[in-house]
Amino acid sequence: MPRPLRTAAAILALSCASNLAVAQDLSTFRVGMTAADIPLTTGNPDQGFEGFRFMGLMLYDSLVEWDLSSADKPSTLIPGLATEWSVDPDDKTKWTFKLRQGVKFHDGSEFTADAVVWNFDKVKDPDSPQYDPRQAGLAAARIPSIVAVNKIDDYTVQIVTDVPNAFVPFQVSYWMMSSPAQFEKVGDWEAFAQAPSGTGPWKFVSMQPRKQVTMARNPDYWDPDRVPASDQVQLIPTPEASSRTSALLSGQVDWIEAPSPDAIPQLEGAGMQIVTNSYPHNWAIAPSRAAGSPWNEIDVRKAANLCIDRQGIDQLLGGMSIPAEGHVTPDSPWFGQPTFKLGYEPDDARSLMEQHGYTQDAPLHVKIAVSTSGSGQMQPLPMFQYIQSTLNQCHFDVEAEVMEWNALLALARQSAEAPDSADKGINGIIVSRTLMDPYSAFTRLFDSHRVPPNGSNWGMVNDPEYDKLLKAAREEFDPAKQDKILSELHEKVVDNAEWIWVTHDVNPRALAPNLKGFVQAKNWFQDLTPVHLEE
């Protein structure tokens, strides 16, 4: 295993950290993101869930939100712009959402049922003047079951689904509310992006593409407990891990996502806070199941799973991971009791491959797309190089298709047989996946009806048993019974070696010694409102 190299810049920054003072207003803290650019500002953000963390849920709100106040228990759904919701017991395709009164968009206009209907049309109705293809591509797949949003009165909406769907509250938590009045004022989404308006705890101040975005406290935020403790926050795209590390050590930023694992001892030695927590995350290879794919043979998928040195990956990441035992972690209520055990058994892997005619002299060529950095990706290129080296010892010939994070997401929104995949020969893709809710963890990835553009089933998985169990879970409104169905599904997914699972992240962050107030929730999303700098 190649040892990660410490950059000269990081070492120099460490040696100088105690002497270097960077002038800064303590009312502003600065974040070094892994993204290469500023996330989309219009409502539903791009740049994956890092975009949600640092743009979507800062400028905007959804009807239903996540409780991000605890580091000790899994996050649950809580009221957001809707104070309550319920499904019609006689027709479970109809939901009633009661809206919060007195909420204002940043431009001063009022949040009402009309705004909810308008925001539905912006991502679902191509004939509406506010329809935004870019947001539609980002949001529509998050609310796939919703076919209509009807105004009942000024503070009540009815959400209608195509079929009974118990996952609706989870789905609407990913749907951000933009200001109709601001859109009407500026005229189009391009202008809106330069002067965005939501209802969130932070307000947009300024932006320099690929360099910085500044937000200010919203003193009139509807939840007084979440009015930001700082006057401003600056978000700075810093895709290189070594550059993020150097920026923190030199005082250019106060917070970095995903520090270099080998730099963590340096950071701790400089007094930086290293914050981690388990959360619903999966870093794995999703193989193509399109016609002619080499991954269609279950023995090949099992061989790959048996040739992943997950403990070695954990060491590469400085212990900052949870080696995968399945699609979800063993403490999940959905884990069940799969019979196929993931492990590092290269002899068994080679034996399986040889049964299908693959040898060291005649290996199986596979081409896997991976990003350079991005939301939840940890250290994707070193991780890929590590698994590439082990798979190549098990009669695989692994080729990388390396691309920027947003480009990888765009690829993942197509099917495996689409030109961008098929023409390049890509038959595997690595995109970190959220497992926060049943739809995100299972439906969008394994339901045959969710092949792009209807979902994120990039690999074109098509198994009638999966579809049957997913339908049963979707129609089960009792959480305990739903968990049991999903655990049976997880058992089948693992036993079929549907993916090649590698690891779950622990979401490491490094914070300056005087940055206070942050609580790292067991969630992809985090709350920056309590964060502040102390003297």
Protein backbone atom coordinates (compact mmCIF):
# COMPACT_ATOMS: atom_id res chain seq x y z
CA MET A 1 0.00 0.00 0.00
CA PRO A 2 1.54 3.31 -1.03
CA ARG A 3 1.90 5.66 1.88
CA PRO A 4 0.16 9.03 1.31
CA LEU A 5 2.65 11.83 0.82
CA ARG A 6 2.66 14.81 3.10
CA THR A 7 2.88 17.96 1.07
CA ALA A 8 5.69 20.41 1.67
CA ALA A 9 3.09 23.13 2.00
CA ALA A 10 1.33 21.29 4.81
CA ILE A 11 4.59 20.67 6.67
CA LEU A 12 5.64 24.28 6.30
CA ALA A 13 2.21 25.46 7.42
CA LEU A 14 2.44 23.23 10.48
CA SER A 15 5.84 24.54 11.46
CA CYS A 16 4.63 28.10 11.12
CA ALA A 17 1.13 27.67 12.51
CA SER A 18 2.01 28.81 16.01
CA ASN A 19 3.61 32.00 14.69
CA LEU A 20 1.27 32.84 11.82
CA ALA A 21 -1.59 35.22 12.53
CA VAL A 22 -4.15 35.97 9.85
CA ALA A 23 -6.27 39.04 10.45
CA GLN A 24 -9.92 38.09 10.61
CA ASP A 25 -13.21 39.41 11.87
CA LEU A 26 -14.32 36.92 14.54
CA SER A 27 -17.93 37.38 13.46
CA THR A 28 -17.13 35.50 10.20
CA PHE A 29 -15.96 31.91 9.91
CA ARG A 30 -14.63 30.28 6.75
CA VAL A 31 -15.21 26.77 5.40
CA GLY A 32 -12.96 24.87 2.99
CA MET A 33 -15.28 22.65 0.94
CA THR A 34 -14.25 19.62 -1.10
CA ALA A 35 -16.28 20.88 -4.07
CA ALA A 36 -14.47 22.42 -7.01
CA ASP A 37 -17.05 25.17 -7.45
CA ILE A 38 -19.82 27.04 -5.64
CA PRO A 39 -22.99 24.91 -5.44
CA LEU A 40 -25.97 26.07 -7.49
CA THR A 41 -27.69 28.92 -5.62
CA THR A 42 -31.21 28.87 -7.09
CA GLY A 43 -32.88 26.36 -4.74
CA ASN A 44 -32.06 22.68 -5.16
CA PRO A 45 -28.24 22.70 -5.28
CA ASP A 46 -25.77 20.68 -7.28
CA GLN A 47 -22.43 19.38 -5.92
CA GLY A 48 -24.16 16.43 -4.22
CA PHE A 49 -24.98 16.54 -0.55
CA GLU A 50 -22.11 18.90 0.14
CA GLY A 51 -24.15 21.30 -1.96
CA PHE A 52 -27.13 20.62 0.29
CA ARG A 53 -25.02 21.19 3.41
CA PHE A 54 -23.42 24.42 2.31
CA MET A 55 -26.05 26.00 0.09
CA GLY A 56 -29.41 24.22 -0.04
CA LEU A 57 -30.09 24.03 3.69
CA MET A 58 -28.46 27.35 4.48
CA LEU A 59 -30.32 29.64 2.08
CA TYR A 60 -33.42 27.49 1.81
CA ASP A 61 -35.85 25.31 3.74
CA SER A 62 -38.01 22.32 2.85
CA LEU A 63 -41.45 21.36 4.14
CA VAL A 64 -39.94 18.59 6.26
CA GLU A 65 -36.43 18.78 7.71
CA TRP A 66 -33.90 16.70 9.62
CA ASP A 67 -33.15 17.11 13.32
CA LEU A 68 -29.43 17.89 13.28
CA SER A 69 -29.11 18.83 16.93
CA SER A 70 -27.70 15.57 18.30
CA ALA A 71 -24.42 13.71 17.80
CA ASP A 72 -25.62 10.71 19.81
CA LYS A 73 -28.72 9.46 18.00
CA PRO A 74 -29.73 8.98 14.37
CA SER A 75 -31.37 12.01 12.82
CA THR A 76 -35.15 11.96 12.47
CA LEU A 77 -37.59 14.04 10.46
CA ILE A 78 -39.03 17.16 12.09
CA PRO A 79 -41.38 19.95 10.97
CA GLY A 80 -39.87 22.53 8.66
CA LEU A 81 -41.98 24.85 6.56
CA ALA A 82 -44.80 22.42 7.26
CA THR A 83 -45.85 22.10 10.89
CA GLU A 84 -47.62 18.76 10.40
CA TRP A 85 -48.56 16.24 7.74
CA SER A 86 -50.83 13.21 7.42
CA VAL A 87 -51.97 10.71 4.84
CA ASP A 88 -55.64 10.21 4.01
CA PRO A 89 -56.60 6.85 5.59
CA ASP A 90 -59.15 6.24 2.83
CA ASP A 91 -56.88 7.20 -0.06
CA LYS A 92 -53.18 6.85 0.71
CA THR A 93 -52.17 8.67 -2.44
CA LYS A 94 -53.26 11.94 -0.81
CA TRP A 95 -51.32 13.79 1.89
CA THR A 96 -52.23 16.97 3.74
CA PHE A 97 -49.45 19.35 4.76
CA LYS A 98 -50.20 22.23 7.14
CA LEU A 99 -47.85 25.15 6.47
CA ARG A 100 -46.06 27.34 8.97
CA GLN A 101 -47.54 30.83 9.14
CA GLY A 102 -45.57 34.07 9.35
CA VAL A 103 -42.56 32.83 7.36
CA LYS A 104 -40.91 35.35 5.05
CA PHE A 105 -38.59 34.85 2.10
CA HIS A 106 -35.37 36.87 2.23
CA ASP A 107 -36.89 39.41 -0.19
CA GLY A 108 -39.72 40.06 2.30
CA SER A 109 -42.47 38.19 0.46
CA GLU A 110 -44.65 35.72 2.35
CA PHE A 111 -44.38 31.94 2.23
CA THR A 112 -47.83 30.46 1.48
CA ALA A 113 -49.46 27.53 -0.27
CA ASP A 114 -49.12 29.38 -3.58
CA ALA A 115 -45.33 29.31 -3.14
CA VAL A 116 -45.39 25.53 -2.62
CA VAL A 117 -47.42 24.97 -5.79
CA TRP A 118 -45.08 27.35 -7.68
CA ASN A 119 -42.02 25.44 -6.45
CA PHE A 120 -43.55 22.16 -7.56
CA ASP A 121 -44.09 23.53 -11.05
CA LYS A 122 -40.50 24.82 -11.21
CA VAL A 123 -39.23 21.21 -11.19
CA LYS A 124 -42.17 19.23 -12.59
CA ASP A 125 -44.02 21.30 -15.19
CA PRO A 126 -42.01 22.09 -18.34
CA ASP A 127 -44.79 24.41 -19.52
CA SER A 128 -44.62 26.69 -16.48
CA PRO A 129 -42.67 29.96 -16.89
CA GLN A 130 -40.60 29.15 -13.79
CA TYR A 131 -39.64 25.65 -14.92
CA ASP A 132 -35.90 25.19 -14.44
CA PRO A 133 -34.39 22.18 -16.23
CA ARG A 134 -31.31 22.30 -14.03
CA GLN A 135 -33.25 22.22 -10.76
CA ALA A 136 -35.62 19.69 -12.27
CA GLY A 137 -32.71 17.36 -12.91
CA LEU A 138 -31.59 17.76 -9.31
CA ALA A 139 -34.96 17.73 -7.53
CA ALA A 140 -37.42 15.75 -9.61
CA ALA A 141 -35.68 12.45 -8.88
CA ARG A 142 -35.99 13.24 -5.16
CA ILE A 143 -39.79 13.56 -5.37
CA PRO A 144 -40.56 10.96 -8.03
CA SER A 145 -43.89 9.81 -6.59
CA ILE A 146 -45.45 13.26 -6.39
CA VAL A 147 -47.73 13.99 -9.36
CA ALA A 148 -49.61 17.05 -8.09
CA VAL A 149 -49.57 19.71 -5.39
CA ASN A 150 -52.91 21.40 -4.80
CA LYS A 151 -53.69 24.47 -2.73
CA ILE A 152 -56.41 23.84 -0.14
CA ASP A 153 -56.13 27.24 1.52
CA ASP A 154 -53.36 29.79 2.11
CA TYR A 155 -51.62 27.53 4.63
CA THR A 156 -52.63 24.03 3.54
CA VAL A 157 -51.55 21.98 0.53
CA GLN A 158 -52.51 18.54 -0.69
CA ILE A 159 -49.71 16.42 -2.11
CA VAL A 160 -50.84 13.68 -4.47
CA THR A 161 -48.75 10.64 -5.36
CA ASP A 162 -49.04 8.19 -8.24
CA VAL A 163 -49.32 5.24 -5.84
CA PRO A 164 -49.58 4.87 -2.05
CA ASN A 165 -46.15 5.85 -0.76
CA ALA A 166 -45.08 5.98 2.89
CA PHE A 167 -41.76 7.55 1.85
CA VAL A 168 -43.31 10.94 0.95
CA PRO A 169 -42.11 12.85 4.07
CA PHE A 170 -38.55 11.75 3.33
CA GLN A 171 -38.87 12.77 -0.31
CA VAL A 172 -40.11 16.29 0.37
CA SER A 173 -37.20 16.88 2.77
CA TYR A 174 -34.97 17.20 -0.33
CA TRP A 175 -37.21 19.73 -2.11
CA MET A 176 -36.15 23.36 -1.51
CA MET A 177 -38.49 26.37 -1.59
CA SER A 178 -37.35 29.35 -3.72
CA SER A 179 -39.08 32.74 -3.69
CA PRO A 180 -41.66 33.25 -6.48
CA ALA A 181 -41.63 37.01 -5.87
CA GLN A 182 -37.86 37.24 -6.35
CA PHE A 183 -38.06 35.21 -9.55
CA GLU A 184 -40.77 37.50 -10.91
CA LYS A 185 -38.66 40.52 -9.96
CA VAL A 186 -35.40 39.40 -11.63
CA GLY A 187 -37.00 37.59 -14.58
CA ASP A 188 -35.10 34.31 -14.96
CA TRP A 189 -33.05 31.73 -13.08
CA GLU A 190 -29.71 33.07 -14.26
CA ALA A 191 -30.47 36.41 -12.63
CA PHE A 192 -31.99 34.67 -9.61
CA ALA A 193 -28.71 32.80 -9.07
CA GLN A 194 -26.98 36.15 -8.59
CA ALA A 195 -29.57 37.33 -6.04
CA PRO A 196 -31.14 34.17 -4.56
CA SER A 197 -33.97 34.30 -2.04
CA GLY A 198 -35.15 31.49 0.21
CA THR A 199 -36.48 31.25 3.75
CA GLY A 200 -33.33 29.77 5.30
CA PRO A 201 -31.26 30.88 8.31
CA TRP A 202 -28.59 32.46 6.08
CA LYS A 203 -28.93 35.15 3.40
CA PHE A 204 -26.86 35.43 0.23
CA VAL A 205 -24.35 38.31 0.19
CA SER A 206 -21.92 37.77 -2.71
CA MET A 207 -20.25 35.15 -4.88
CA GLN A 208 -17.10 34.68 -6.92
CA PRO A 209 -17.40 31.49 -9.02
CA ARG A 210 -14.88 28.82 -7.98
CA LYS A 211 -13.50 31.14 -5.33
CA GLN A 212 -15.94 32.09 -2.59
CA VAL A 213 -19.53 32.66 -1.54
CA THR A 214 -20.46 34.80 1.45
CA MET A 215 -23.68 34.49 3.46
CA ALA A 216 -24.99 36.57 6.34
CA ARG A 217 -27.16 35.79 9.35
CA ASN A 218 -30.92 35.99 8.75
CA PRO A 219 -32.00 37.77 11.97
CA ASP A 220 -35.67 37.24 11.12
CA TYR A 221 -35.45 33.48 10.66
CA TRP A 222 -38.71 31.76 11.60
CA ASP A 223 -37.00 29.47 14.14
CA PRO A 224 -35.47 31.74 16.81
CA ASP A 225 -33.40 28.82 18.15
CA ARG A 226 -31.58 28.59 14.83
CA VAL A 227 -30.75 32.21 14.11
CA PRO A 228 -27.01 31.96 13.29
CA ALA A 229 -24.52 32.75 16.04
CA SER A 230 -22.11 34.30 13.51
CA ASP A 231 -22.67 37.39 11.41
CA GLN A 232 -21.29 35.77 8.27
CA VAL A 233 -19.91 32.56 6.80
CA GLN A 234 -17.65 32.22 3.77
CA LEU A 235 -17.58 29.02 1.73
CA ILE A 236 -14.40 28.39 -0.26
CA PRO A 237 -14.10 25.57 -2.85
CA THR A 238 -10.88 23.68 -2.12
CA PRO A 239 -11.02 20.30 -3.90
CA GLU A 240 -7.47 19.17 -3.07
CA ALA A 241 -7.15 17.58 0.39
CA SER A 242 -3.58 18.84 0.85
CA SER A 243 -4.66 22.38 -0.03
CA ARG A 244 -7.51 22.23 2.49
CA THR A 245 -5.12 21.02 5.15
CA SER A 246 -2.62 23.78 4.41
CA ALA A 247 -5.37 26.40 4.39
CA LEU A 248 -6.51 25.38 7.87
CA LEU A 249 -3.00 25.19 9.30
CA SER A 250 -2.11 28.60 7.88
CA GLY A 251 -5.27 30.27 9.18
CA GLN A 252 -6.88 30.88 5.78
CA VAL A 253 -9.98 28.88 6.80
CA ASP A 254 -11.47 27.77 10.11
CA TRP A 255 -13.13 24.52 9.03
CA ILE A 256 -12.29 21.90 6.41
CA GLU A 257 -14.20 18.93 5.09
CA ALA A 258 -12.39 15.61 4.68
CA PRO A 259 -8.84 16.41 5.85
CA SER A 260 -6.01 14.28 4.50
CA PRO A 261 -5.84 11.18 6.72
CA ASP A 262 -2.06 11.34 6.96
CA ALA A 263 -2.31 14.99 8.04
CA ILE A 264 -4.61 14.33 11.01
CA PRO A 265 -1.71 13.88 13.48
CA GLN A 266 -0.28 17.17 12.23
CA LEU A 267 -3.61 18.87 12.63
CA GLU A 268 -4.09 17.51 16.13
CA GLY A 269 -0.56 18.57 17.00
CA ALA A 270 -1.41 22.10 15.89
CA GLY A 271 -4.42 22.10 18.23
CA MET A 272 -7.08 21.55 15.58
CA GLN A 273 -10.29 19.75 16.51
CA ILE A 274 -10.92 16.49 14.62
CA VAL A 275 -14.64 15.73 14.61
CA THR A 276 -16.11 12.43 13.39
CA ASN A 277 -19.35 10.50 13.61
CA SER A 278 -20.99 7.57 11.86
CA TYR A 279 -23.67 8.48 9.38
CA PRO A 280 -25.76 6.89 6.62
CA HIS A 281 -23.18 6.63 3.89
CA ASN A 282 -21.95 4.13 1.33
CA TRP A 283 -18.84 4.24 -0.90
CA ALA A 284 -19.09 1.36 -3.33
CA ILE A 285 -18.82 0.29 -6.95
CA ALA A 286 -22.21 0.10 -8.64
CA PRO A 287 -21.72 -2.33 -11.55
CA SER A 288 -23.63 -2.15 -14.81
CA ARG A 289 -26.24 -4.84 -15.40
CA ALA A 290 -26.87 -3.75 -18.99
CA ALA A 291 -26.81 -6.39 -21.72
CA GLY A 292 -23.29 -7.66 -22.26
CA SER A 293 -21.89 -6.25 -19.03
CA PRO A 294 -19.13 -8.37 -17.48
CA TRP A 295 -20.79 -7.79 -14.12
CA ASN A 296 -23.94 -9.73 -15.01
CA GLU A 297 -22.33 -12.91 -13.67
CA ILE A 298 -22.89 -13.16 -9.89
CA ASP A 299 -19.59 -15.02 -9.40
CA VAL A 300 -17.72 -12.05 -10.87
CA ARG A 301 -19.47 -9.67 -8.47
CA LYS A 302 -18.79 -11.99 -5.54
CA ALA A 303 -15.14 -12.33 -6.57
CA ALA A 304 -14.75 -8.56 -6.59
CA ASN A 305 -16.33 -8.31 -3.15
CA LEU A 306 -13.92 -10.96 -1.87
CA CYS A 307 -10.92 -9.12 -3.30
CA ILE A 308 -11.50 -5.78 -1.53
CA ASP A 309 -9.12 -5.26 1.40
CA ARG A 310 -11.47 -3.12 3.50
CA GLN A 311 -9.18 -3.09 6.53
CA GLY A 312 -6.39 -1.82 4.28
CA ILE A 313 -8.70 0.95 3.05
CA ASP A 314 -9.46 1.83 6.67
CA GLN A 315 -5.73 2.09 7.39
CA LEU A 316 -5.30 4.24 4.27
CA LEU A 317 -7.97 6.55 5.69
CA GLY A 318 -6.27 6.71 9.08
CA GLY A 319 -9.03 4.68 10.72
CA MET A 320 -11.60 7.20 9.50
CA SER A 321 -14.05 4.69 8.02
CA ILE A 322 -16.32 1.77 8.83
CA PRO A 323 -15.41 -1.22 6.60
CA ALA A 324 -18.51 -2.36 4.74
CA GLU A 325 -20.31 -5.56 5.67
CA GLY A 326 -23.19 -4.81 3.33
CA HIS A 327 -25.10 -2.00 1.73
CA VAL A 328 -25.94 -0.57 5.17
CA THR A 329 -24.03 -0.86 8.44
CA PRO A 330 -24.76 -3.80 10.80
CA ASP A 331 -26.40 -1.49 13.36
CA SER A 332 -29.06 -0.49 10.83
CA PRO A 333 -32.58 -1.86 11.37
CA TRP A 334 -32.44 -2.82 7.69
CA PHE A 335 -29.31 -5.01 7.86
CA GLY A 336 -30.99 -8.39 8.50
CA GLN A 337 -28.92 -11.58 8.23
CA PRO A 338 -27.31 -11.89 4.79
CA THR A 339 -25.52 -15.18 4.19
CA PHE A 340 -22.84 -13.83 1.82
CA LYS A 341 -20.09 -12.46 4.03
CA LEU A 342 -17.89 -9.68 2.73
CA GLY A 343 -14.23 -10.20 3.46
CA TYR A 344 -10.74 -10.18 1.99
CA GLU A 345 -10.40 -13.70 0.54
CA PRO A 346 -8.29 -13.30 -2.63
CA ASP A 347 -7.75 -17.05 -3.11
CA ASP A 348 -11.52 -17.63 -3.13
CA ALA A 349 -11.93 -14.66 -5.47
CA ARG A 350 -9.39 -16.03 -7.93
CA SER A 351 -11.04 -19.45 -7.81
CA LEU A 352 -14.42 -17.94 -8.73
CA MET A 353 -12.87 -16.00 -11.61
CA GLU A 354 -11.00 -19.06 -12.93
CA GLN A 355 -14.28 -20.97 -13.07
CA HIS A 356 -15.34 -18.46 -15.73
CA GLY A 357 -12.10 -18.56 -17.67
CA TYR A 358 -10.35 -15.52 -16.23
CA THR A 359 -6.71 -15.80 -15.23
CA GLN A 360 -3.79 -13.51 -14.49
CA ASP A 361 -2.78 -13.80 -18.16
CA ALA A 362 -6.36 -13.38 -19.39
CA PRO A 363 -8.00 -11.01 -16.90
CA LEU A 364 -11.46 -9.46 -17.07
CA HIS A 365 -11.30 -5.84 -18.19
CA VAL A 366 -13.61 -3.45 -16.32
CA LYS A 367 -13.77 0.32 -16.54
CA ILE A 368 -14.96 2.26 -13.49
CA ALA A 369 -15.83 5.96 -13.26
CA VAL A 370 -14.61 7.78 -10.16
CA SER A 371 -14.35 11.43 -9.14
CA THR A 372 -11.35 13.49 -8.12
CA SER A 373 -13.13 14.76 -5.00
CA GLY A 374 -16.60 15.81 -3.88
CA SER A 375 -19.38 15.27 -1.39
CA GLY A 376 -18.83 12.22 0.81
CA GLN A 377 -16.01 10.93 -1.38
CA MET A 378 -13.35 10.85 1.37
CA GLN A 379 -10.10 10.35 -0.61
CA PRO A 380 -11.49 8.85 -3.83
CA LEU A 381 -8.37 8.57 -5.99
CA PRO A 382 -6.08 6.98 -3.37
CA MET A 383 -8.96 4.67 -2.40
CA PHE A 384 -9.56 3.75 -6.03
CA GLN A 385 -5.88 3.09 -6.64
CA TYR A 386 -5.83 0.78 -3.61
CA ILE A 387 -8.83 -1.30 -4.68
CA GLN A 388 -7.55 -1.29 -8.26
CA SER A 389 -4.30 -2.88 -7.09
CA THR A 390 -6.09 -5.59 -5.11
CA LEU A 391 -8.67 -6.36 -7.82
CA ASN A 392 -5.88 -6.66 -10.37
CA GLN A 393 -4.45 -9.45 -8.23
CA CYS A 394 -7.72 -11.37 -8.60
CA HIS A 395 -7.79 -11.66 -12.41
CA PHE A 396 -9.36 -8.25 -13.02
CA ASP A 397 -7.88 -5.55 -15.23
CA VAL A 398 -9.31 -2.35 -13.77
CA GLU A 399 -9.25 0.91 -15.72
CA ALA A 400 -10.28 4.27 -14.25
CA GLU A 401 -12.38 6.95 -15.91
CA VAL A 402 -11.54 9.93 -13.70
CA MET A 403 -13.82 12.97 -13.77
CA GLU A 404 -14.92 15.97 -11.75
CA TRP A 405 -17.65 15.35 -9.18
CA ASN A 406 -20.49 17.14 -10.98
CA ALA A 407 -19.60 15.34 -14.21
CA LEU A 408 -19.74 12.04 -12.34
CA LEU A 409 -23.17 12.94 -10.94
CA ALA A 410 -24.38 13.78 -14.43
CA LEU A 411 -23.17 10.37 -15.60
CA ALA A 412 -24.94 8.68 -12.68
CA ARG A 413 -28.24 10.27 -13.73
CA GLN A 414 -28.07 8.37 -17.00
CA SER A 415 -28.47 4.64 -17.47
CA ALA A 416 -25.44 2.40 -17.87
CA GLU A 417 -26.28 1.90 -21.56
CA ALA A 418 -26.50 5.67 -22.29
CA PRO A 419 -23.85 7.00 -24.71
CA ASP A 420 -21.76 8.72 -22.03
CA SER A 421 -21.30 5.33 -20.36
CA ALA A 422 -21.52 2.84 -23.19
CA ASP A 423 -19.42 4.77 -25.70
CA LYS A 424 -16.64 5.19 -23.14
CA GLY A 425 -16.86 1.55 -22.11
CA ILE A 426 -17.75 2.41 -18.50
CA ASN A 427 -19.34 -0.54 -16.72
CA GLY A 428 -18.96 0.53 -13.11
CA ILE A 429 -19.40 3.77 -11.22
CA ILE A 430 -18.41 4.97 -7.75
CA VAL A 431 -20.73 7.59 -6.28
CA SER A 432 -21.07 7.99 -2.54
CA ARG A 433 -24.69 7.26 -1.66
CA THR A 434 -26.90 8.50 1.13
CA LEU A 435 -28.75 5.84 3.11
CA MET A 436 -30.77 8.25 5.24
CA ASP A 437 -34.18 7.05 4.11
CA PRO A 438 -35.68 3.99 2.39
CA TYR A 439 -36.11 5.66 -0.98
CA SER A 440 -32.53 6.96 -1.11
CA ALA A 441 -31.02 3.75 0.27
CA PHE A 442 -32.93 1.22 -1.81
CA THR A 443 -35.73 2.33 -4.14
CA ARG A 444 -33.79 4.70 -6.36
CA LEU A 445 -30.89 2.23 -6.68
CA PHE A 446 -32.55 -1.18 -7.03
CA ASP A 447 -36.12 -0.60 -8.29
CA SER A 448 -36.34 -1.51 -11.99
CA HIS A 449 -38.78 1.38 -12.47
CA ARG A 450 -36.10 3.85 -11.33
CA VAL A 451 -33.68 3.43 -14.21
CA PRO A 452 -32.65 6.97 -15.26
CA PRO A 453 -34.23 9.42 -15.88
CA ASN A 454 -36.77 8.09 -13.36
CA GLY A 455 -34.23 7.56 -10.61
CA SER A 456 -30.64 6.64 -9.82
CA ASN A 457 -30.67 2.95 -10.79
CA TRP A 458 -27.64 3.60 -12.99
CA GLY A 459 -26.70 -0.07 -13.21
CA MET A 460 -30.15 -0.99 -14.57
CA VAL A 461 -30.74 -3.56 -11.85
CA ASN A 462 -33.88 -5.52 -12.70
CA ASP A 463 -34.99 -8.10 -10.14
CA PRO A 464 -38.72 -8.85 -9.66
CA GLU A 465 -38.09 -9.80 -6.03
CA TYR A 466 -36.57 -6.40 -5.32
CA ASP A 467 -39.51 -4.67 -6.98
CA LYS A 468 -41.98 -6.75 -4.96
CA LEU A 469 -40.30 -5.98 -1.63
CA LEU A 470 -39.86 -2.30 -2.44
CA LYS A 471 -43.53 -2.04 -3.31
CA ALA A 472 -44.45 -3.72 -0.03
CA ALA A 473 -42.20 -1.37 1.95
CA ARG A 474 -43.52 1.69 0.14
CA GLU A 475 -47.10 0.70 0.96
CA GLU A 476 -46.38 -0.16 4.61
CA PHE A 477 -47.09 2.83 6.85
CA ASP A 478 -46.11 1.02 10.07
CA PRO A 479 -42.37 1.80 10.60
CA ALA A 480 -41.55 -1.49 12.38
CA LYS A 481 -43.17 -3.58 9.67
CA GLN A 482 -41.50 -1.46 7.03
CA ASP A 483 -38.08 -2.08 8.64
CA LYS A 484 -38.67 -5.84 8.53
CA ILE A 485 -39.44 -5.74 4.81
CA LEU A 486 -36.37 -3.63 4.12
CA SER A 487 -34.14 -6.00 6.10
CA GLU A 488 -35.34 -8.87 3.89
CA LEU A 489 -34.54 -6.75 0.85
CA HIS A 490 -31.06 -5.96 2.18
CA GLU A 491 -30.36 -9.65 2.72
CA LYS A 492 -31.20 -10.38 -0.92
CA VAL A 493 -29.16 -7.44 -2.23
CA VAL A 494 -26.07 -8.58 -0.31
CA ASP A 495 -26.52 -12.27 -1.09
CA ASN A 496 -26.72 -11.35 -4.79
CA ALA A 497 -23.55 -9.25 -4.43
CA GLU A 498 -25.49 -6.56 -6.25
CA TRP A 499 -22.73 -4.00 -5.66
CA ILE A 500 -19.06 -4.17 -4.69
CA TRP A 501 -19.10 -2.51 -1.28
CA VAL A 502 -16.01 -0.86 0.13
CA THR A 503 -16.58 1.37 3.14
CA HIS A 504 -18.78 3.76 5.08
CA ASP A 505 -17.41 7.19 5.93
CA VAL A 506 -17.22 8.67 9.45
CA ASN A 507 -17.35 12.15 7.96
CA PRO A 508 -14.14 13.63 9.45
CA ARG A 509 -13.84 17.39 9.72
CA ALA A 510 -11.05 19.52 11.09
CA LEU A 511 -11.90 22.74 12.93
CA ALA A 512 -9.77 25.58 14.24
CA PRO A 513 -9.23 25.51 18.02
CA ASN A 514 -11.41 28.58 18.57
CA LEU A 515 -14.32 27.44 16.38
CA LYS A 516 -17.14 26.54 18.77
CA GLY A 517 -20.74 25.38 18.75
CA PHE A 518 -20.64 22.71 16.07
CA VAL A 519 -22.52 19.45 16.73
CA GLN A 520 -21.77 16.75 14.16
CA ALA A 521 -25.06 14.96 13.56
CA LYS A 522 -25.30 11.37 12.33
CA ASN A 523 -26.38 12.73 8.98
CA TRP A 524 -25.07 13.90 5.62
CA PHE A 525 -26.46 17.32 6.46
CA GLN A 526 -25.12 19.54 9.23
CA ASP A 527 -26.31 22.70 10.98
CA LEU A 528 -23.90 25.65 10.82
CA THR A 529 -26.17 28.06 12.71
CA PRO A 530 -24.57 27.50 16.18
CA VAL A 531 -21.02 27.80 14.85
CA HIS A 532 -18.95 30.80 15.94
CA LEU A 533 -15.38 31.87 16.61
CA GLU A 534 -14.12 32.74 20.08
CA GLU A 535 -11.12 34.90 21.01
